[in-house]
């Protein structure tokens, strides 16, 4: 991003160019902010999809079926030990 370089000048006949530059700088800064917002929105969309996939138990089982079977067996053994006492 570019920093704005605007000085507080009074309206004089020679300041028309600096006013034009200031307007141009503000326009570019607005464009930069808009583009940054677009990039952030894209990153948030990607993050949302990844989180949804990571927390979807069906996707986890589909990705690692043997780990899911192992977790189920472990949960069953732990539950059996707790309930038999």
PDB file of N, CA and C in Angstrom:
ATOM      1  N   UNK A   1       0.831  -1.181   0.000  1.00  0.00           N
ATOM      2  CA  UNK A   1       0.000   0.000   0.000  1.00  0.00           C
ATOM      3  C   UNK A   1       0.877   1.246   0.000  1.00  0.00           C
ATOM      4  N   UNK A   2       0.385   2.254  -0.581  1.00  0.00           N
ATOM      5  CA  UNK A   2       1.117   3.488  -0.709  1.00  0.00           C
ATOM      6  C   UNK A   2       0.629   4.470   0.350  1.00  0.00           C
ATOM      7  N   UNK A   3       1.537   5.203   0.956  1.00  0.00           N
ATOM      8  CA  UNK A   3       1.162   6.221   1.919  1.00  0.00           C
ATOM      9  C   UNK A   3       0.750   7.487   1.185  1.00  0.00           C
ATOM     10  N   UNK A   4      -0.228   8.166   1.752  1.00  0.00           N
ATOM     11  CA  UNK A   4      -0.673   9.409   1.143  1.00  0.00           C
ATOM     12  C   UNK A   4       0.292  10.529   1.491  1.00  0.00           C
ATOM     13  N   UNK A   5       0.595  11.340   0.510  1.00  0.00           N
ATOM     14  CA  UNK A   5       1.466  12.478   0.737  1.00  0.00           C
ATOM     15  C   UNK A   5       0.685  13.732   0.383  1.00  0.00           C
ATOM     16  N   UNK A   6      -0.092  14.203   1.343  1.00  0.00           N
ATOM     17  CA  UNK A   6      -0.904  15.391   1.103  1.00  0.00           C
ATOM     18  C   UNK A   6      -0.510  16.459   2.114  1.00  0.00           C
ATOM     19  N   UNK A   7      -0.383  17.662   1.654  1.00  0.00           N
ATOM     20  CA  UNK A   7      -0.072  18.761   2.553  1.00  0.00           C
ATOM     21  C   UNK A   7      -1.267  19.691   2.614  1.00  0.00           C
ATOM     22  N   UNK A   8      -1.406  20.351   3.731  1.00  0.00           N
ATOM     23  CA  UNK A   8      -2.526  21.279   3.912  1.00  0.00           C
ATOM     24  C   UNK A   8      -2.154  22.592   3.238  1.00  0.00           C
ATOM     25  N   UNK A   9      -2.691  22.792   2.055  1.00  0.00           N
ATOM     26  CA  UNK A   9      -2.415  24.016   1.315  1.00  0.00           C
ATOM     27  C   UNK A   9      -3.706  24.784   1.152  1.00  0.00           C
ATOM     28  N   UNK A  10      -3.590  26.096   1.049  1.00  0.00           N
ATOM     29  CA  UNK A  10      -4.763  26.916   0.803  1.00  0.00           C
ATOM     30  C   UNK A  10      -5.034  26.941  -0.678  1.00  0.00           C
ATOM     31  N   UNK A  11      -6.218  27.314  -1.022  1.00  0.00           N
ATOM     32  CA  UNK A  11      -6.606  27.329  -2.423  1.00  0.00           C
ATOM     33  C   UNK A  11      -6.024  28.562  -3.099  1.00  0.00           C
ATOM     34  N   UNK A  12      -4.965  28.352  -3.834  1.00  0.00           N
ATOM     35  CA  UNK A  12      -4.324  29.424  -4.595  1.00  0.00           C
ATOM     36  C   UNK A  12      -4.243  28.970  -6.040  1.00  0.00           C
ATOM     37  N   UNK A  13      -4.006  29.868  -6.954  1.00  0.00           N
ATOM     38  CA  UNK A  13      -3.954  29.471  -8.363  1.00  0.00           C
ATOM     39  C   UNK A  13      -2.910  28.399  -8.641  1.00  0.00           C
ATOM     40  N   UNK A  14      -1.805  28.354  -7.946  1.00  0.00           N
ATOM     41  CA  UNK A  14      -0.765  27.375  -8.198  1.00  0.00           C
ATOM     42  C   UNK A  14      -1.024  26.032  -7.524  1.00  0.00           C
ATOM     43  N   UNK A  15      -2.054  25.958  -6.690  1.00  0.00           N
ATOM     44  CA  UNK A  15      -2.285  24.723  -5.946  1.00  0.00           C
ATOM     45  C   UNK A  15      -3.220  23.763  -6.673  1.00  0.00           C
ATOM     46  N   UNK A  16      -3.618  24.086  -7.896  1.00  0.00           N
ATOM     47  CA  UNK A  16      -4.511  23.215  -8.653  1.00  0.00           C
ATOM     48  C   UNK A  16      -3.861  21.871  -8.928  1.00  0.00           C
ATOM     49  N   UNK A  17      -2.562  21.864  -9.234  1.00  0.00           N
ATOM     50  CA  UNK A  17      -1.864  20.610  -9.505  1.00  0.00           C
ATOM     51  C   UNK A  17      -1.765  19.768  -8.232  1.00  0.00           C
ATOM     52  N   UNK A  18      -1.472  20.396  -7.087  1.00  0.00           N
ATOM     53  CA  UNK A  18      -1.370  19.625  -5.852  1.00  0.00           C
ATOM     54  C   UNK A  18      -2.733  19.096  -5.436  1.00  0.00           C
ATOM     55  N   UNK A  19      -3.799  19.812  -5.734  1.00  0.00           N
ATOM     56  CA  UNK A  19      -5.144  19.317  -5.453  1.00  0.00           C
ATOM     57  C   UNK A  19      -5.446  18.118  -6.336  1.00  0.00           C
ATOM     58  N   UNK A  20      -5.059  18.177  -7.577  1.00  0.00           N
ATOM     59  CA  UNK A  20      -5.249  17.060  -8.488  1.00  0.00           C
ATOM     60  C   UNK A  20      -4.456  15.846  -8.014  1.00  0.00           C
ATOM     61  N   UNK A  21      -3.233  16.074  -7.562  1.00  0.00           N
ATOM     62  CA  UNK A  21      -2.424  14.977  -7.034  1.00  0.00           C
ATOM     63  C   UNK A  21      -3.074  14.375  -5.783  1.00  0.00           C
ATOM     64  N   UNK A  22      -3.609  15.230  -4.917  1.00  0.00           N
ATOM     65  CA  UNK A  22      -4.251  14.748  -3.700  1.00  0.00           C
ATOM     66  C   UNK A  22      -5.468  13.898  -4.038  1.00  0.00           C
ATOM     67  N   UNK A  23      -6.257  14.350  -4.998  1.00  0.00           N
ATOM     68  CA  UNK A  23      -7.429  13.575  -5.421  1.00  0.00           C
ATOM     69  C   UNK A  23      -6.977  12.250  -6.022  1.00  0.00           C
ATOM     70  N   UNK A  24      -5.928  12.281  -6.819  1.00  0.00           N
ATOM     71  CA  UNK A  24      -5.392  11.056  -7.414  1.00  0.00           C
ATOM     72  C   UNK A  24      -4.904  10.102  -6.323  1.00  0.00           C
ATOM     73  N   UNK A  25      -4.184  10.642  -5.318  1.00  0.00           N
ATOM     74  CA  UNK A  25      -3.692   9.801  -4.224  1.00  0.00           C
ATOM     75  C   UNK A  25      -4.846   9.192  -3.427  1.00  0.00           C
ATOM     76  N   UNK A  26      -5.871   9.967  -3.178  1.00  0.00           N
ATOM     77  CA  UNK A  26      -7.035   9.461  -2.447  1.00  0.00           C
ATOM     78  C   UNK A  26      -7.741   8.386  -3.255  1.00  0.00           C
ATOM     79  N   UNK A  27      -7.861   8.603  -4.553  1.00  0.00           N
ATOM     80  CA  UNK A  27      -8.490   7.608  -5.418  1.00  0.00           C
ATOM     81  C   UNK A  27      -7.694   6.310  -5.422  1.00  0.00           C
ATOM     82  N   UNK A  28      -6.373   6.436  -5.529  1.00  0.00           N
ATOM     83  CA  UNK A  28      -5.541   5.232  -5.505  1.00  0.00           C
ATOM     84  C   UNK A  28      -5.607   4.534  -4.150  1.00  0.00           C
ATOM     85  N   UNK A  29      -5.632   5.306  -3.071  1.00  0.00           N
ATOM     86  CA  UNK A  29      -5.736   4.707  -1.736  1.00  0.00           C
ATOM     87  C   UNK A  29      -7.065   3.974  -1.597  1.00  0.00           C
ATOM     88  N   UNK A  30      -8.129   4.556  -2.108  1.00  0.00           N
ATOM     89  CA  UNK A  30      -9.430   3.884  -2.079  1.00  0.00           C
ATOM     90  C   UNK A  30      -9.417   2.608  -2.886  1.00  0.00           C
ATOM     91  N   UNK A  31      -8.776   2.635  -4.032  1.00  0.00           N
ATOM     92  CA  UNK A  31      -8.661   1.450  -4.870  1.00  0.00           C
ATOM     93  C   UNK A  31      -7.839   0.368  -4.156  1.00  0.00           C
ATOM     94  N   UNK A  32      -6.736   0.792  -3.508  1.00  0.00           N
ATOM     95  CA  UNK A  32      -5.913  -0.162  -2.748  1.00  0.00           C
ATOM     96  C   UNK A  32      -6.710  -0.795  -1.613  1.00  0.00           C
ATOM     97  N   UNK A  33      -7.484   0.010  -0.904  1.00  0.00           N
ATOM     98  CA  UNK A  33      -8.313  -0.515   0.187  1.00  0.00           C
ATOM     99  C   UNK A  33      -9.355  -1.494  -0.342  1.00  0.00           C
ATOM    100  N   UNK A  34      -9.971  -1.161  -1.461  1.00  0.00           N
ATOM    101  CA  UNK A  34     -10.964  -2.051  -2.052  1.00  0.00           C
ATOM    102  C   UNK A  34     -10.322  -3.383  -2.433  1.00  0.00           C
ATOM    103  N   UNK A  35      -9.152  -3.324  -3.071  1.00  0.00           N
ATOM    104  CA  UNK A  35      -8.456  -4.554  -3.464  1.00  0.00           C
ATOM    105  C   UNK A  35      -8.051  -5.375  -2.246  1.00  0.00           C
ATOM    106  N   UNK A  36      -7.601  -4.702  -1.189  1.00  0.00           N
ATOM    107  CA  UNK A  36      -7.245  -5.415   0.038  1.00  0.00           C
ATOM    108  C   UNK A  36      -8.478  -6.088   0.636  1.00  0.00           C
ATOM    109  N   UNK A  37      -9.599  -5.415   0.608  1.00  0.00           N
ATOM    110  CA  UNK A  37     -10.844  -6.012   1.098  1.00  0.00           C
ATOM    111  C   UNK A  37     -11.249  -7.224   0.287  1.00  0.00           C
ATOM    112  N   UNK A  38     -11.064  -7.155  -1.014  1.00  0.00           N
ATOM    113  CA  UNK A  38     -11.375  -8.299  -1.875  1.00  0.00           C
ATOM    114  C   UNK A  38     -10.481  -9.495  -1.541  1.00  0.00           C
ATOM    115  N   UNK A  39      -9.192  -9.226  -1.331  1.00  0.00           N
ATOM    116  CA  UNK A  39      -8.266 -10.316  -0.984  1.00  0.00           C
ATOM    117  C   UNK A  39      -8.623 -10.926   0.364  1.00  0.00           C
ATOM    118  N   UNK A  40      -8.981 -10.094   1.324  1.00  0.00           N
ATOM    119  CA  UNK A  40      -9.381 -10.598   2.640  1.00  0.00           C
ATOM    120  C   UNK A  40     -10.630 -11.454   2.515  1.00  0.00           C
ATOM    121  N   UNK A  41     -11.594 -11.018   1.724  1.00  0.00           N
ATOM    122  CA  UNK A  41     -12.819 -11.796   1.530  1.00  0.00           C
ATOM    123  C   UNK A  41     -12.510 -13.153   0.905  1.00  0.00           C
ATOM    124  N   UNK A  42     -11.608 -13.181  -0.062  1.00  0.00           N
ATOM    125  CA  UNK A  42     -11.220 -14.455  -0.686  1.00  0.00           C
ATOM    126  C   UNK A  42     -10.557 -15.380   0.329  1.00  0.00           C
ATOM    127  N   UNK A  43      -9.672 -14.823   1.159  1.00  0.00           N
ATOM    128  CA  UNK A  43      -8.995 -15.629   2.174  1.00  0.00           C
ATOM    129  C   UNK A  43      -9.998 -16.158   3.210  1.00  0.00           C
ATOM    130  N   UNK A  44     -10.960 -15.336   3.580  1.00  0.00           N
ATOM    131  CA  UNK A  44     -11.972 -15.782   4.537  1.00  0.00           C
ATOM    132  C   UNK A  44     -12.834 -16.901   3.951  1.00  0.00           C
ATOM    133  N   UNK A  45     -13.170 -16.800   2.678  1.00  0.00           N
ATOM    134  CA  UNK A  45     -13.937 -17.866   2.021  1.00  0.00           C
ATOM    135  C   UNK A  45     -13.150 -19.178   2.022  1.00  0.00           C
ATOM    136  N   UNK A  46     -11.862 -19.087   1.705  1.00  0.00           N
ATOM    137  CA  UNK A  46     -11.014 -20.277   1.707  1.00  0.00           C
ATOM    138  C   UNK A  46     -10.927 -20.867   3.109  1.00  0.00           C
ATOM    139  N   UNK A  47     -10.735 -20.017   4.107  1.00  0.00           N
ATOM    140  CA  UNK A  47     -10.653 -20.477   5.491  1.00  0.00           C
ATOM    141  C   UNK A  47     -11.950 -21.134   5.932  1.00  0.00           C
ATOM    142  N   UNK A  48     -13.074 -20.546   5.550  1.00  0.00           N
ATOM    143  CA  UNK A  48     -14.374 -21.118   5.915  1.00  0.00           C
ATOM    144  C   UNK A  48     -14.548 -22.522   5.321  1.00  0.00           C
ATOM    145  N   UNK A  49     -14.179 -22.690   4.064  1.00  0.00           N
ATOM    146  CA  UNK A  49     -14.282 -24.015   3.435  1.00  0.00           C
ATOM    147  C   UNK A  49     -13.375 -25.025   4.129  1.00  0.00           C
ATOM    148  N   UNK A  50     -12.163 -24.612   4.497  1.00  0.00           N
ATOM    149  CA  UNK A  50     -11.229 -25.529   5.158  1.00  0.00           C
ATOM    150  C   UNK A  50     -11.721 -25.916   6.546  1.00  0.00           C
ATOM    151  N   UNK A  51     -12.289 -24.967   7.278  1.00  0.00           N
ATOM    152  CA  UNK A  51     -12.806 -25.270   8.608  1.00  0.00           C
ATOM    153  C   UNK A  51     -14.007 -26.197   8.511  1.00  0.00           C
ATOM    154  N   UNK A  52     -14.892 -25.931   7.560  1.00  0.00           N
ATOM    155  CA  UNK A  52     -16.050 -26.815   7.370  1.00  0.00           C
ATOM    156  C   UNK A  52     -15.598 -28.238   7.039  1.00  0.00           C
ATOM    157  N   UNK A  53     -14.593 -28.367   6.202  1.00  0.00           N
ATOM    158  CA  UNK A  53     -14.094 -29.697   5.841  1.00  0.00           C
ATOM    159  C   UNK A  53     -13.430 -30.369   7.050  1.00  0.00           C
ATOM    160  N   UNK A  54     -12.673 -29.598   7.825  1.00  0.00           N
ATOM    161  CA  UNK A  54     -11.947 -30.167   8.963  1.00  0.00           C
ATOM    162  C   UNK A  54     -12.894 -30.599  10.083  1.00  0.00           C
ATOM    163  N   UNK A  55     -14.055 -29.993  10.195  1.00  0.00           N
ATOM    164  CA  UNK A  55     -14.981 -30.336  11.276  1.00  0.00           C
ATOM    165  C   UNK A  55     -16.108 -31.250  10.815  1.00  0.00           C
ATOM    166  N   UNK A  56     -16.121 -31.644   9.576  1.00  0.00           N
ATOM    167  CA  UNK A  56     -17.153 -32.543   9.061  1.00  0.00           C
ATOM    168  C   UNK A  56     -16.715 -33.976   9.332  1.00  0.00           C
ATOM    169  N   UNK A  57     -17.401 -34.668  10.244  1.00  0.00           N
ATOM    170  CA  UNK A  57     -16.983 -36.018  10.626  1.00  0.00           C
ATOM    171  C   UNK A  57     -17.077 -36.985   9.457  1.00  0.00           C
ATOM    172  N   UNK A  58     -18.003 -36.766   8.567  1.00  0.00           N
ATOM    173  CA  UNK A  58     -18.117 -37.649   7.396  1.00  0.00           C
ATOM    174  C   UNK A  58     -16.880 -37.536   6.504  1.00  0.00           C
ATOM    175  N   UNK A  59     -16.414 -36.307   6.334  1.00  0.00           N
ATOM    176  CA  UNK A  59     -15.201 -36.093   5.525  1.00  0.00           C
ATOM    177  C   UNK A  59     -13.984 -36.687   6.228  1.00  0.00           C
ATOM    178  N   UNK A  60     -13.927 -36.554   7.557  1.00  0.00           N
ATOM    179  CA  UNK A  60     -12.802 -37.130   8.297  1.00  0.00           C
ATOM    180  C   UNK A  60     -12.775 -38.650   8.160  1.00  0.00           C
ATOM    181  N   UNK A  61     -13.950 -39.289   8.261  1.00  0.00           N
ATOM    182  CA  UNK A  61     -14.019 -40.749   8.110  1.00  0.00           C
ATOM    183  C   UNK A  61     -13.656 -41.150   6.686  1.00  0.00           C
ATOM    184  N   UNK A  62     -14.123 -40.383   5.706  1.00  0.00           N
ATOM    185  CA  UNK A  62     -13.814 -40.697   4.308  1.00  0.00           C
ATOM    186  C   UNK A  62     -12.318 -40.536   4.027  1.00  0.00           C
ATOM    187  N   UNK A  63     -11.693 -39.530   4.651  1.00  0.00           N
ATOM    188  CA  UNK A  63     -10.259 -39.298   4.433  1.00  0.00           C
ATOM    189  C   UNK A  63      -9.395 -40.346   5.129  1.00  0.00           C
ATOM    190  N   UNK A  64      -9.797 -40.776   6.330  1.00  0.00           N
ATOM    191  CA  UNK A  64      -8.992 -41.723   7.126  1.00  0.00           C
ATOM    192  C   UNK A  64      -9.897 -42.774   7.755  1.00  0.00           C
ATOM    193  N   UNK A  65     -10.350 -43.734   6.967  1.00  0.00           N
ATOM    194  CA  UNK A  65     -11.303 -44.714   7.505  1.00  0.00           C
ATOM    195  C   UNK A  65     -10.719 -45.582   8.614  1.00  0.00           C
ATOM    196  N   UNK A  66      -9.442 -45.954   8.513  1.00  0.00           N
ATOM    197  CA  UNK A  66      -8.862 -46.825   9.541  1.00  0.00           C
ATOM    198  C   UNK A  66      -8.656 -46.089  10.858  1.00  0.00           C
ATOM    199  N   UNK A  67      -8.343 -44.834  10.785  1.00  0.00           N
ATOM    200  CA  UNK A  67      -8.233 -44.036  12.009  1.00  0.00           C
ATOM    201  C   UNK A  67      -9.600 -43.917  12.675  1.00  0.00           C
ATOM    202  N   UNK A  68     -10.651 -43.795  11.871  1.00  0.00           N
ATOM    203  CA  UNK A  68     -12.006 -43.725  12.425  1.00  0.00           C
ATOM    204  C   UNK A  68     -12.382 -45.040  13.098  1.00  0.00           C
ATOM    205  N   UNK A  69     -12.013 -46.173  12.476  1.00  0.00           N
ATOM    206  CA  UNK A  69     -12.289 -47.483  13.081  1.00  0.00           C
ATOM    207  C   UNK A  69     -11.516 -47.603  14.394  1.00  0.00           C
ATOM    208  N   UNK A  70     -10.267 -47.201  14.411  1.00  0.00           N
ATOM    209  CA  UNK A  70      -9.464 -47.241  15.635  1.00  0.00           C
ATOM    210  C   UNK A  70     -10.049 -46.375  16.736  1.00  0.00           C
ATOM    211  N   UNK A  71     -10.507 -45.173  16.379  1.00  0.00           N
ATOM    212  CA  UNK A  71     -11.123 -44.282  17.367  1.00  0.00           C
ATOM    213  C   UNK A  71     -12.409 -44.891  17.909  1.00  0.00           C
ATOM    214  N   UNK A  72     -13.189 -45.539  17.057  1.00  0.00           N
ATOM    215  CA  UNK A  72     -14.427 -46.180  17.506  1.00  0.00           C
ATOM    216  C   UNK A  72     -14.131 -47.339  18.447  1.00  0.00           C
ATOM    217  N   UNK A  73     -13.129 -48.145  18.128  1.00  0.00           N
ATOM    218  CA  UNK A  73     -12.751 -49.264  19.000  1.00  0.00           C
ATOM    219  C   UNK A  73     -12.259 -48.732  20.341  1.00  0.00           C
ATOM    220  N   UNK A  74     -11.419 -47.714  20.323  1.00  0.00           N
ATOM    221  CA  UNK A  74     -10.911 -47.120  21.555  1.00  0.00           C
ATOM    222  C   UNK A  74     -12.056 -46.563  22.401  1.00  0.00           C
ATOM    223  N   UNK A  75     -12.975 -45.857  21.769  1.00  0.00           N
ATOM    224  CA  UNK A  75     -14.125 -45.320  22.498  1.00  0.00           C
ATOM    225  C   UNK A  75     -14.961 -46.451  23.087  1.00  0.00           C
ATOM    226  N   UNK A  76     -15.132 -47.531  22.348  1.00  0.00           N
ATOM    227  CA  UNK A  76     -15.883 -48.675  22.850  1.00  0.00           C
ATOM    228  C   UNK A  76     -15.214 -49.319  24.047  1.00  0.00           C
ATOM    229  N   UNK A  77     -13.908 -49.482  24.003  1.00  0.00           N
ATOM    230  CA  UNK A  77     -13.175 -50.076  25.126  1.00  0.00           C
ATOM    231  C   UNK A  77     -13.267 -49.178  26.355  1.00  0.00           C
ATOM    232  N   UNK A  78     -13.073 -47.894  26.168  1.00  0.00           N
ATOM    233  CA  UNK A  78     -13.175 -46.965  27.298  1.00  0.00           C
ATOM    234  C   UNK A  78     -14.581 -46.970  27.899  1.00  0.00           C
ATOM    235  N   UNK A  79     -15.589 -46.964  27.061  1.00  0.00           N
ATOM    236  CA  UNK A  79     -16.971 -46.999  27.537  1.00  0.00           C
ATOM    237  C   UNK A  79     -17.261 -48.301  28.271  1.00  0.00           C
ATOM    238  N   UNK A  80     -16.758 -49.416  27.746  1.00  0.00           N
ATOM    239  CA  UNK A  80     -16.950 -50.711  28.390  1.00  0.00           C
ATOM    240  C   UNK A  80     -16.316 -50.729  29.780  1.00  0.00           C
ATOM    241  N   UNK A  81     -15.093 -50.174  29.893  1.00  0.00           N
ATOM    242  CA  UNK A  81     -14.399 -50.156  31.189  1.00  0.00           C
ATOM    243  C   UNK A  81     -15.138 -49.283  32.193  1.00  0.00           C
ATOM    244  N   UNK A  82     -15.682 -48.163  31.744  1.00  0.00           N
ATOM    245  CA  UNK A  82     -16.402 -47.273  32.653  1.00  0.00           C
ATOM    246  C   UNK A  82     -17.713 -47.909  33.103  1.00  0.00           C
ATOM    247  N   UNK A  83     -18.410 -48.539  32.199  1.00  0.00           N
ATOM    248  CA  UNK A  83     -19.742 -49.071  32.518  1.00  0.00           C
ATOM    249  C   UNK A  83     -19.689 -50.402  33.274  1.00  0.00           C
ATOM    250  N   UNK A  84     -18.639 -51.164  33.194  1.00  0.00           N
ATOM    251  CA  UNK A  84     -18.604 -52.461  33.869  1.00  0.00           C
ATOM    252  C   UNK A  84     -18.314 -52.314  35.356  1.00  0.00           C
ATOM    253  N   UNK A  85     -17.810 -51.178  35.794  1.00  0.00           N
ATOM    254  CA  UNK A  85     -17.497 -51.004  37.215  1.00  0.00           C
ATOM    255  C   UNK A  85     -18.684 -50.558  38.012  1.00  0.00           C
TER     256      UNK A  85
END
